[in-house]
C-alpha cells in the first residue's frame, strides 16, 4: 500500500513539474543593466521623491514613483539600454 501511494505521489510530481515551470515569468536578458543602475537614473529625475514599486513585465522594468508634489509617475525602462522605453 505504501509503495502505491509513494509511486502515485512521485508520478504526480514528475508530470506536474513542467506545468509549474510554465508559470514562471521570463527573466531579464543576460546583457541587462543592473536594476540599481536604472533606479539611480530614476532618483536623479526632477522632483523625485520616492520609488513605490518596480515590476518586470513585457520585457521592460516598470518603475512607479512619486514626485515632491505627490504626482504618480510610471515609466517603463529598457533593461539593456536603461533608457525609458515609454511613459505611462
PDB file of N, CA and C in Angstrom:
ATOM      1  N   UNK A   1       0.826  -1.184   0.000  1.00  0.00           N
ATOM      2  CA  UNK A   1       0.000   0.000   0.000  1.00  0.00           C
ATOM      3  C   UNK A   1       0.874   1.253   0.000  1.00  0.00           C
ATOM      4  N   UNK A   2       1.878   1.256   0.843  1.00  0.00           N
ATOM      5  CA  UNK A   2       2.793   2.386   0.916  1.00  0.00           C
ATOM      6  C   UNK A   2       3.484   2.631  -0.417  1.00  0.00           C
ATOM      7  N   UNK A   3       3.860   1.576  -1.080  1.00  0.00           N
ATOM      8  CA  UNK A   3       4.541   1.677  -2.367  1.00  0.00           C
ATOM      9  C   UNK A   3       3.628   2.317  -3.413  1.00  0.00           C
ATOM     10  N   UNK A   4       2.355   1.967  -3.393  1.00  0.00           N
ATOM     11  CA  UNK A   4       1.391   2.524  -4.351  1.00  0.00           C
ATOM     12  C   UNK A   4       1.223   4.025  -4.109  1.00  0.00           C
ATOM     13  N   UNK A   5       1.093   4.435  -2.867  1.00  0.00           N
ATOM     14  CA  UNK A   5       0.937   5.848  -2.536  1.00  0.00           C
ATOM     15  C   UNK A   5       2.195   6.618  -2.919  1.00  0.00           C
ATOM     16  N   UNK A   6       3.360   6.068  -2.612  1.00  0.00           N
ATOM     17  CA  UNK A   6       4.618   6.708  -2.949  1.00  0.00           C
ATOM     18  C   UNK A   6       4.786   6.827  -4.457  1.00  0.00           C
ATOM     19  N   UNK A   7       4.475   5.784  -5.180  1.00  0.00           N
ATOM     20  CA  UNK A   7       4.596   5.807  -6.643  1.00  0.00           C
ATOM     21  C   UNK A   7       3.625   6.806  -7.254  1.00  0.00           C
ATOM     22  N   UNK A   8       2.414   6.882  -6.729  1.00  0.00           N
ATOM     23  CA  UNK A   8       1.426   7.838  -7.237  1.00  0.00           C
ATOM     24  C   UNK A   8       1.878   9.269  -6.978  1.00  0.00           C
ATOM     25  N   UNK A   9       2.357   9.521  -5.791  1.00  0.00           N
ATOM     26  CA  UNK A   9       2.844  10.859  -5.457  1.00  0.00           C
ATOM     27  C   UNK A   9       4.016  11.278  -6.321  1.00  0.00           C
ATOM     28  N   UNK A  10       4.934  10.374  -6.541  1.00  0.00           N
ATOM     29  CA  UNK A  10       6.096  10.648  -7.376  1.00  0.00           C
ATOM     30  C   UNK A  10       5.680  10.918  -8.822  1.00  0.00           C
ATOM     31  N   UNK A  11       4.736  10.163  -9.321  1.00  0.00           N
ATOM     32  CA  UNK A  11       4.229  10.360 -10.683  1.00  0.00           C
ATOM     33  C   UNK A  11       3.586  11.735 -10.837  1.00  0.00           C
ATOM     34  N   UNK A  12       2.793  12.129  -9.856  1.00  0.00           N
ATOM     35  CA  UNK A  12       2.139  13.441  -9.902  1.00  0.00           C
ATOM     36  C   UNK A  12       3.189  14.556  -9.905  1.00  0.00           C
ATOM     37  N   UNK A  13       4.215  14.428  -9.085  1.00  0.00           N
ATOM     38  CA  UNK A  13       5.267  15.447  -9.044  1.00  0.00           C
ATOM     39  C   UNK A  13       6.034  15.536 -10.356  1.00  0.00           C
ATOM     40  N   UNK A  14       6.364  14.387 -10.925  1.00  0.00           N
ATOM     41  CA  UNK A  14       7.125  14.378 -12.172  1.00  0.00           C
ATOM     42  C   UNK A  14       6.313  14.911 -13.343  1.00  0.00           C
ATOM     43  N   UNK A  15       5.058  14.573 -13.412  1.00  0.00           N
ATOM     44  CA  UNK A  15       4.215  15.043 -14.512  1.00  0.00           C
ATOM     45  C   UNK A  15       3.786  16.496 -14.327  1.00  0.00           C
ATOM     46  N   UNK A  16       3.666  16.935 -13.102  1.00  0.00           N
ATOM     47  CA  UNK A  16       3.233  18.305 -12.836  1.00  0.00           C
ATOM     48  C   UNK A  16       4.362  19.312 -12.833  1.00  0.00           C
ATOM     49  N   UNK A  17       5.602  18.880 -12.804  1.00  0.00           N
ATOM     50  CA  UNK A  17       6.750  19.779 -12.770  1.00  0.00           C
ATOM     51  C   UNK A  17       6.802  20.759 -13.931  1.00  0.00           C
ATOM     52  N   UNK A  18       6.659  20.283 -15.170  1.00  0.00           N
ATOM     53  CA  UNK A  18       6.681  21.218 -16.298  1.00  0.00           C
ATOM     54  C   UNK A  18       5.552  22.249 -16.248  1.00  0.00           C
ATOM     55  N   UNK A  19       4.433  21.897 -15.678  1.00  0.00           N
ATOM     56  CA  UNK A  19       3.331  22.848 -15.570  1.00  0.00           C
ATOM     57  C   UNK A  19       3.695  23.991 -14.635  1.00  0.00           C
ATOM     58  N   UNK A  20       4.409  23.697 -13.559  1.00  0.00           N
ATOM     59  CA  UNK A  20       4.835  24.750 -12.650  1.00  0.00           C
ATOM     60  C   UNK A  20       5.891  25.641 -13.305  1.00  0.00           C
ATOM     61  N   UNK A  21       6.762  25.053 -14.098  1.00  0.00           N
ATOM     62  CA  UNK A  21       7.805  25.828 -14.769  1.00  0.00           C
ATOM     63  C   UNK A  21       7.216  26.766 -15.811  1.00  0.00           C
ATOM     64  N   UNK A  22       6.108  26.410 -16.422  1.00  0.00           N
ATOM     65  CA  UNK A  22       5.479  27.247 -17.446  1.00  0.00           C
ATOM     66  C   UNK A  22       4.917  28.526 -16.847  1.00  0.00           C
ATOM     67  N   UNK A  23       4.616  28.543 -15.560  1.00  0.00           N
ATOM     68  CA  UNK A  23       4.047  29.719 -14.919  1.00  0.00           C
ATOM     69  C   UNK A  23       5.108  30.756 -14.550  1.00  0.00           C
ATOM     70  N   UNK A  24       6.366  30.401 -14.615  1.00  0.00           N
ATOM     71  CA  UNK A  24       7.429  31.322 -14.216  1.00  0.00           C
ATOM     72  C   UNK A  24       7.523  32.481 -15.196  1.00  0.00           C
ATOM     73  N   UNK A  25       7.709  33.699 -14.658  1.00  0.00           N
ATOM     74  CA  UNK A  25       7.857  34.876 -15.516  1.00  0.00           C
ATOM     75  C   UNK A  25       9.222  34.838 -16.187  1.00  0.00           C
ATOM     76  N   UNK A  26       9.310  35.380 -17.400  1.00  0.00           N
ATOM     77  CA  UNK A  26      10.617  35.439 -18.045  1.00  0.00           C
ATOM     78  C   UNK A  26      11.559  36.383 -17.301  1.00  0.00           C
ATOM     79  N   UNK A  27      12.823  36.102 -17.385  1.00  0.00           N
ATOM     80  CA  UNK A  27      13.846  36.899 -16.705  1.00  0.00           C
ATOM     81  C   UNK A  27      14.399  37.958 -17.646  1.00  0.00           C
ATOM     82  N   UNK A  28      15.016  39.004 -17.090  1.00  0.00           N
ATOM     83  CA  UNK A  28      15.692  39.983 -17.947  1.00  0.00           C
ATOM     84  C   UNK A  28      16.801  39.301 -18.748  1.00  0.00           C
ATOM     85  N   UNK A  29      17.169  39.864 -19.904  1.00  0.00           N
ATOM     86  CA  UNK A  29      18.222  39.240 -20.708  1.00  0.00           C
ATOM     87  C   UNK A  29      19.564  39.277 -19.992  1.00  0.00           C
ATOM     88  N   UNK A  30      20.481  38.394 -20.385  1.00  0.00           N
ATOM     89  CA  UNK A  30      21.780  38.327 -19.711  1.00  0.00           C
ATOM     90  C   UNK A  30      22.589  39.628 -19.805  1.00  0.00           C
ATOM     91  N   UNK A  31      22.369  40.429 -20.845  1.00  0.00           N
ATOM     92  CA  UNK A  31      23.132  41.671 -21.012  1.00  0.00           C
ATOM     93  C   UNK A  31      22.397  42.881 -20.436  1.00  0.00           C
ATOM     94  N   UNK A  32      21.411  42.638 -19.583  1.00  0.00           N
ATOM     95  CA  UNK A  32      20.634  43.723 -18.978  1.00  0.00           C
ATOM     96  C   UNK A  32      21.481  44.501 -17.977  1.00  0.00           C
ATOM     97  N   UNK A  33      21.186  45.783 -17.874  1.00  0.00           N
ATOM     98  CA  UNK A  33      21.820  46.624 -16.858  1.00  0.00           C
ATOM     99  C   UNK A  33      21.318  46.196 -15.490  1.00  0.00           C
ATOM    100  N   UNK A  34      22.071  46.520 -14.467  1.00  0.00           N
ATOM    101  CA  UNK A  34      21.634  46.212 -13.107  1.00  0.00           C
ATOM    102  C   UNK A  34      20.435  47.088 -12.761  1.00  0.00           C
ATOM    103  N   UNK A  35      19.505  46.530 -12.027  1.00  0.00           N
ATOM    104  CA  UNK A  35      18.329  47.281 -11.611  1.00  0.00           C
ATOM    105  C   UNK A  35      18.733  48.506 -10.798  1.00  0.00           C
ATOM    106  N   UNK A  36      19.796  48.403 -10.025  1.00  0.00           N
ATOM    107  CA  UNK A  36      20.256  49.541  -9.222  1.00  0.00           C
ATOM    108  C   UNK A  36      20.676  50.715 -10.114  1.00  0.00           C
ATOM    109  N   UNK A  37      21.234  50.432 -11.304  1.00  0.00           N
ATOM    110  CA  UNK A  37      21.592  51.499 -12.239  1.00  0.00           C
ATOM    111  C   UNK A  37      20.347  52.216 -12.758  1.00  0.00           C
ATOM    112  N   UNK A  38      19.324  51.452 -13.053  1.00  0.00           N
ATOM    113  CA  UNK A  38      18.079  52.037 -13.547  1.00  0.00           C
ATOM    114  C   UNK A  38      17.431  52.882 -12.453  1.00  0.00           C
ATOM    115  N   UNK A  39      17.408  52.367 -11.242  1.00  0.00           N
ATOM    116  CA  UNK A  39      16.810  53.127 -10.142  1.00  0.00           C
ATOM    117  C   UNK A  39      17.605  54.394  -9.836  1.00  0.00           C
ATOM    118  N   UNK A  40      18.912  54.361 -10.017  1.00  0.00           N
ATOM    119  CA  UNK A  40      19.727  55.567  -9.820  1.00  0.00           C
ATOM    120  C   UNK A  40      19.321  56.651 -10.816  1.00  0.00           C
ATOM    121  N   UNK A  41      19.005  56.249 -12.050  1.00  0.00           N
ATOM    122  CA  UNK A  41      18.525  57.210 -13.046  1.00  0.00           C
ATOM    123  C   UNK A  41      17.185  57.807 -12.632  1.00  0.00           C
ATOM    124  N   UNK A  42      16.319  56.959 -12.111  1.00  0.00           N
ATOM    125  CA  UNK A  42      15.003  57.439 -11.669  1.00  0.00           C
ATOM    126  C   UNK A  42      15.177  58.443 -10.541  1.00  0.00           C
ATOM    127  N   UNK A  43      16.045  58.156  -9.610  1.00  0.00           N
ATOM    128  CA  UNK A  43      16.261  59.038  -8.460  1.00  0.00           C
ATOM    129  C   UNK A  43      16.837  60.393  -8.866  1.00  0.00           C
ATOM    130  N   UNK A  44      17.447  60.480 -10.027  1.00  0.00           N
ATOM    131  CA  UNK A  44      18.017  61.743 -10.496  1.00  0.00           C
ATOM    132  C   UNK A  44      17.005  62.602 -11.267  1.00  0.00           C
ATOM    133  N   UNK A  45      15.807  62.078 -11.500  1.00  0.00           N
ATOM    134  CA  UNK A  45      14.801  62.848 -12.235  1.00  0.00           C
ATOM    135  C   UNK A  45      14.329  64.039 -11.401  1.00  0.00           C
ATOM    136  N   UNK A  46      13.900  65.090 -12.099  1.00  0.00           N
ATOM    137  CA  UNK A  46      13.437  66.308 -11.429  1.00  0.00           C
ATOM    138  C   UNK A  46      12.244  66.003 -10.526  1.00  0.00           C
ATOM    139  N   UNK A  47      12.222  66.583  -9.353  1.00  0.00           N
ATOM    140  CA  UNK A  47      11.134  66.471  -8.383  1.00  0.00           C
ATOM    141  C   UNK A  47      10.906  65.053  -7.860  1.00  0.00           C
ATOM    142  N   UNK A  48      11.883  64.155  -8.018  1.00  0.00           N
ATOM    143  CA  UNK A  48      11.752  62.788  -7.500  1.00  0.00           C
ATOM    144  C   UNK A  48      11.599  62.830  -5.985  1.00  0.00           C
ATOM    145  N   UNK A  49      10.683  61.983  -5.470  1.00  0.00           N
ATOM    146  CA  UNK A  49      10.532  61.856  -4.011  1.00  0.00           C
ATOM    147  C   UNK A  49      10.854  60.441  -3.549  1.00  0.00           C
ATOM    148  N   UNK A  50      10.118  59.420  -4.055  1.00  0.00           N
ATOM    149  CA  UNK A  50      10.410  58.045  -3.653  1.00  0.00           C
ATOM    150  C   UNK A  50       9.853  57.051  -4.673  1.00  0.00           C
ATOM    151  N   UNK A  51      10.479  55.859  -4.721  1.00  0.00           N
ATOM    152  CA  UNK A  51      10.025  54.765  -5.572  1.00  0.00           C
ATOM    153  C   UNK A  51       8.987  53.970  -4.808  1.00  0.00           C
ATOM    154  N   UNK A  52       7.867  53.723  -5.445  1.00  0.00           N
ATOM    155  CA  UNK A  52       6.822  52.926  -4.808  1.00  0.00           C
ATOM    156  C   UNK A  52       6.917  51.461  -5.211  1.00  0.00           C
ATOM    157  N   UNK A  53       7.179  51.215  -6.514  1.00  0.00           N
ATOM    158  CA  UNK A  53       7.135  49.830  -6.992  1.00  0.00           C
ATOM    159  C   UNK A  53       7.983  49.683  -8.249  1.00  0.00           C
ATOM    160  N   UNK A  54       8.567  48.499  -8.408  1.00  0.00           N
ATOM    161  CA  UNK A  54       9.274  48.132  -9.628  1.00  0.00           C
ATOM    162  C   UNK A  54       8.722  46.783 -10.062  1.00  0.00           C
ATOM    163  N   UNK A  55       8.369  46.684 -11.349  1.00  0.00           N
ATOM    164  CA  UNK A  55       7.792  45.446 -11.860  1.00  0.00           C
ATOM    165  C   UNK A  55       8.514  45.061 -13.142  1.00  0.00           C
ATOM    166  N   UNK A  56       8.663  43.775 -13.373  1.00  0.00           N
ATOM    167  CA  UNK A  56       9.243  43.269 -14.618  1.00  0.00           C
ATOM    168  C   UNK A  56       8.107  42.639 -15.402  1.00  0.00           C
ATOM    169  N   UNK A  57       7.806  43.221 -16.574  1.00  0.00           N
ATOM    170  CA  UNK A  57       6.703  42.707 -17.380  1.00  0.00           C
ATOM    171  C   UNK A  57       6.891  43.155 -18.829  1.00  0.00           C
ATOM    172  N   UNK A  58       6.520  42.318 -19.760  1.00  0.00           N
ATOM    173  CA  UNK A  58       6.589  42.634 -21.194  1.00  0.00           C
ATOM    174  C   UNK A  58       7.981  43.077 -21.639  1.00  0.00           C
ATOM    175  N   UNK A  59       9.028  42.520 -21.047  1.00  0.00           N
ATOM    176  CA  UNK A  59      10.381  42.811 -21.468  1.00  0.00           C
ATOM    177  C   UNK A  59      10.931  44.147 -21.019  1.00  0.00           C
ATOM    178  N   UNK A  60      10.318  44.746 -20.002  1.00  0.00           N
ATOM    179  CA  UNK A  60      10.792  46.047 -19.503  1.00  0.00           C
ATOM    180  C   UNK A  60      10.556  46.129 -18.001  1.00  0.00           C
ATOM    181  N   UNK A  61      11.369  46.970 -17.339  1.00  0.00           N
ATOM    182  CA  UNK A  61      11.135  47.294 -15.938  1.00  0.00           C
ATOM    183  C   UNK A  61      10.162  48.469 -15.911  1.00  0.00           C
ATOM    184  N   UNK A  62       9.068  48.333 -15.187  1.00  0.00           N
ATOM    185  CA  UNK A  62       8.151  49.450 -14.996  1.00  0.00           C
ATOM    186  C   UNK A  62       8.372  49.978 -13.590  1.00  0.00           C
ATOM    187  N   UNK A  63       8.800  51.243 -13.512  1.00  0.00           N
ATOM    188  CA  UNK A  63       9.089  51.878 -12.231  1.00  0.00           C
ATOM    189  C   UNK A  63       7.967  52.862 -11.926  1.00  0.00           C
ATOM    190  N   UNK A  64       7.368  52.706 -10.763  1.00  0.00           N
ATOM    191  CA  UNK A  64       6.343  53.633 -10.299  1.00  0.00           C
ATOM    192  C   UNK A  64       6.952  54.441  -9.167  1.00  0.00           C
ATOM    193  N   UNK A  65       6.912  55.768  -9.335  1.00  0.00           N
ATOM    194  CA  UNK A  65       7.461  56.624  -8.294  1.00  0.00           C
ATOM    195  C   UNK A  65       6.579  57.844  -8.106  1.00  0.00           C
ATOM    196  N   UNK A  66       6.846  58.581  -7.044  1.00  0.00           N
ATOM    197  CA  UNK A  66       6.093  59.804  -6.736  1.00  0.00           C
ATOM    198  C   UNK A  66       7.040  60.983  -6.731  1.00  0.00           C
ATOM    199  N   UNK A  67       6.496  62.137  -7.119  1.00  0.00           N
ATOM    200  CA  UNK A  67       7.275  63.371  -7.140  1.00  0.00           C
ATOM    201  C   UNK A  67       7.007  64.155  -5.864  1.00  0.00           C
ATOM    202  N   UNK A  68       7.744  65.253  -5.699  1.00  0.00           N
ATOM    203  CA  UNK A  68       7.595  66.072  -4.496  1.00  0.00           C
ATOM    204  C   UNK A  68       6.207  66.696  -4.396  1.00  0.00           C
ATOM    205  N   UNK A  69       5.508  66.872  -5.535  1.00  0.00           N
ATOM    206  CA  UNK A  69       4.143  67.405  -5.482  1.00  0.00           C
ATOM    207  C   UNK A  69       3.090  66.287  -5.474  1.00  0.00           C
ATOM    208  N   UNK A  70       3.533  65.083  -5.114  1.00  0.00           N
ATOM    209  CA  UNK A  70       2.685  63.897  -4.927  1.00  0.00           C
ATOM    210  C   UNK A  70       2.074  63.346  -6.215  1.00  0.00           C
ATOM    211  N   UNK A  71       2.650  63.665  -7.350  1.00  0.00           N
ATOM    212  CA  UNK A  71       2.186  63.103  -8.615  1.00  0.00           C
ATOM    213  C   UNK A  71       2.757  61.688  -8.777  1.00  0.00           C
ATOM    214  N   UNK A  72       1.929  60.790  -9.270  1.00  0.00           N
ATOM    215  CA  UNK A  72       2.356  59.409  -9.508  1.00  0.00           C
ATOM    216  C   UNK A  72       2.877  59.311 -10.940  1.00  0.00           C
ATOM    217  N   UNK A  73       4.064  58.713 -11.103  1.00  0.00           N
ATOM    218  CA  UNK A  73       4.672  58.573 -12.418  1.00  0.00           C
ATOM    219  C   UNK A  73       5.030  57.108 -12.630  1.00  0.00           C
ATOM    220  N   UNK A  74       4.694  56.578 -13.810  1.00  0.00           N
ATOM    221  CA  UNK A  74       5.072  55.216 -14.192  1.00  0.00           C
ATOM    222  C   UNK A  74       5.865  55.303 -15.483  1.00  0.00           C
ATOM    223  N   UNK A  75       7.062  54.760 -15.470  1.00  0.00           N
ATOM    224  CA  UNK A  75       7.909  54.769 -16.661  1.00  0.00           C
ATOM    225  C   UNK A  75       8.461  53.369 -16.875  1.00  0.00           C
ATOM    226  N   UNK A  76       8.397  52.900 -18.125  1.00  0.00           N
ATOM    227  CA  UNK A  76       8.980  51.613 -18.492  1.00  0.00           C
ATOM    228  C   UNK A  76      10.397  51.849 -18.995  1.00  0.00           C
ATOM    229  N   UNK A  77      11.343  51.061 -18.497  1.00  0.00           N
ATOM    230  CA  UNK A  77      12.742  51.181 -18.882  1.00  0.00           C
ATOM    231  C   UNK A  77      13.194  49.937 -19.620  1.00  0.00           C
ATOM    232  N   UNK A  78      13.918  50.149 -20.710  1.00  0.00           N
ATOM    233  CA  UNK A  78      14.518  49.050 -21.450  1.00  0.00           C
ATOM    234  C   UNK A  78      15.618  48.443 -20.575  1.00  0.00           C
ATOM    235  N   UNK A  79      15.631  47.134 -20.376  1.00  0.00           N
ATOM    236  CA  UNK A  79      16.612  46.530 -19.465  1.00  0.00           C
ATOM    237  C   UNK A  79      18.044  46.555 -19.994  1.00  0.00           C
ATOM    238  N   UNK A  80      18.235  46.628 -21.308  1.00  0.00           N
ATOM    239  CA  UNK A  80      19.579  46.592 -21.881  1.00  0.00           C
ATOM    240  C   UNK A  80      20.195  47.990 -21.952  1.00  0.00           C
ATOM    241  N   UNK A  81      19.404  48.985 -22.373  1.00  0.00           N
ATOM    242  CA  UNK A  81      19.935  50.338 -22.517  1.00  0.00           C
ATOM    243  C   UNK A  81      19.747  51.191 -21.268  1.00  0.00           C
ATOM    244  N   UNK A  82      18.863  50.783 -20.390  1.00  0.00           N
ATOM    245  CA  UNK A  82      18.499  51.529 -19.170  1.00  0.00           C
ATOM    246  C   UNK A  82      17.889  52.883 -19.506  1.00  0.00           C
ATOM    247  N   UNK A  83      17.319  52.998 -20.698  1.00  0.00           N
ATOM    248  CA  UNK A  83      16.645  54.220 -21.131  1.00  0.00           C
ATOM    249  C   UNK A  83      15.141  54.011 -21.080  1.00  0.00           C
ATOM    250  N   UNK A  84      14.391  55.092 -20.833  1.00  0.00           N
ATOM    251  CA  UNK A  84      12.925  54.959 -20.836  1.00  0.00           C
ATOM    252  C   UNK A  84      12.451  54.467 -22.201  1.00  0.00           C
ATOM    253  N   UNK A  85      11.564  53.488 -22.193  1.00  0.00           N
ATOM    254  CA  UNK A  85      11.045  52.971 -23.459  1.00  0.00           C
ATOM    255  C   UNK A  85       9.678  53.552 -23.767  1.00  0.00           C
ATOM    256  N   UNK A  86       8.937  53.974 -22.739  1.00  0.00           N
ATOM    257  CA  UNK A  86       7.647  54.627 -22.936  1.00  0.00           C
ATOM    258  C   UNK A  86       7.174  55.191 -21.616  1.00  0.00           C
ATOM    259  N   UNK A  87       6.463  56.271 -21.669  1.00  0.00           N
ATOM    260  CA  UNK A  87       5.863  56.850 -20.459  1.00  0.00           C
ATOM    261  C   UNK A  87       4.450  56.330 -20.342  1.00  0.00           C
ATOM    262  N   UNK A  88       4.011  56.078 -19.114  1.00  0.00           N
ATOM    263  CA  UNK A  88       2.647  55.569 -18.917  1.00  0.00           C
ATOM    264  C   UNK A  88       1.869  56.536 -18.068  1.00  0.00           C
TER     265      UNK A  88
END
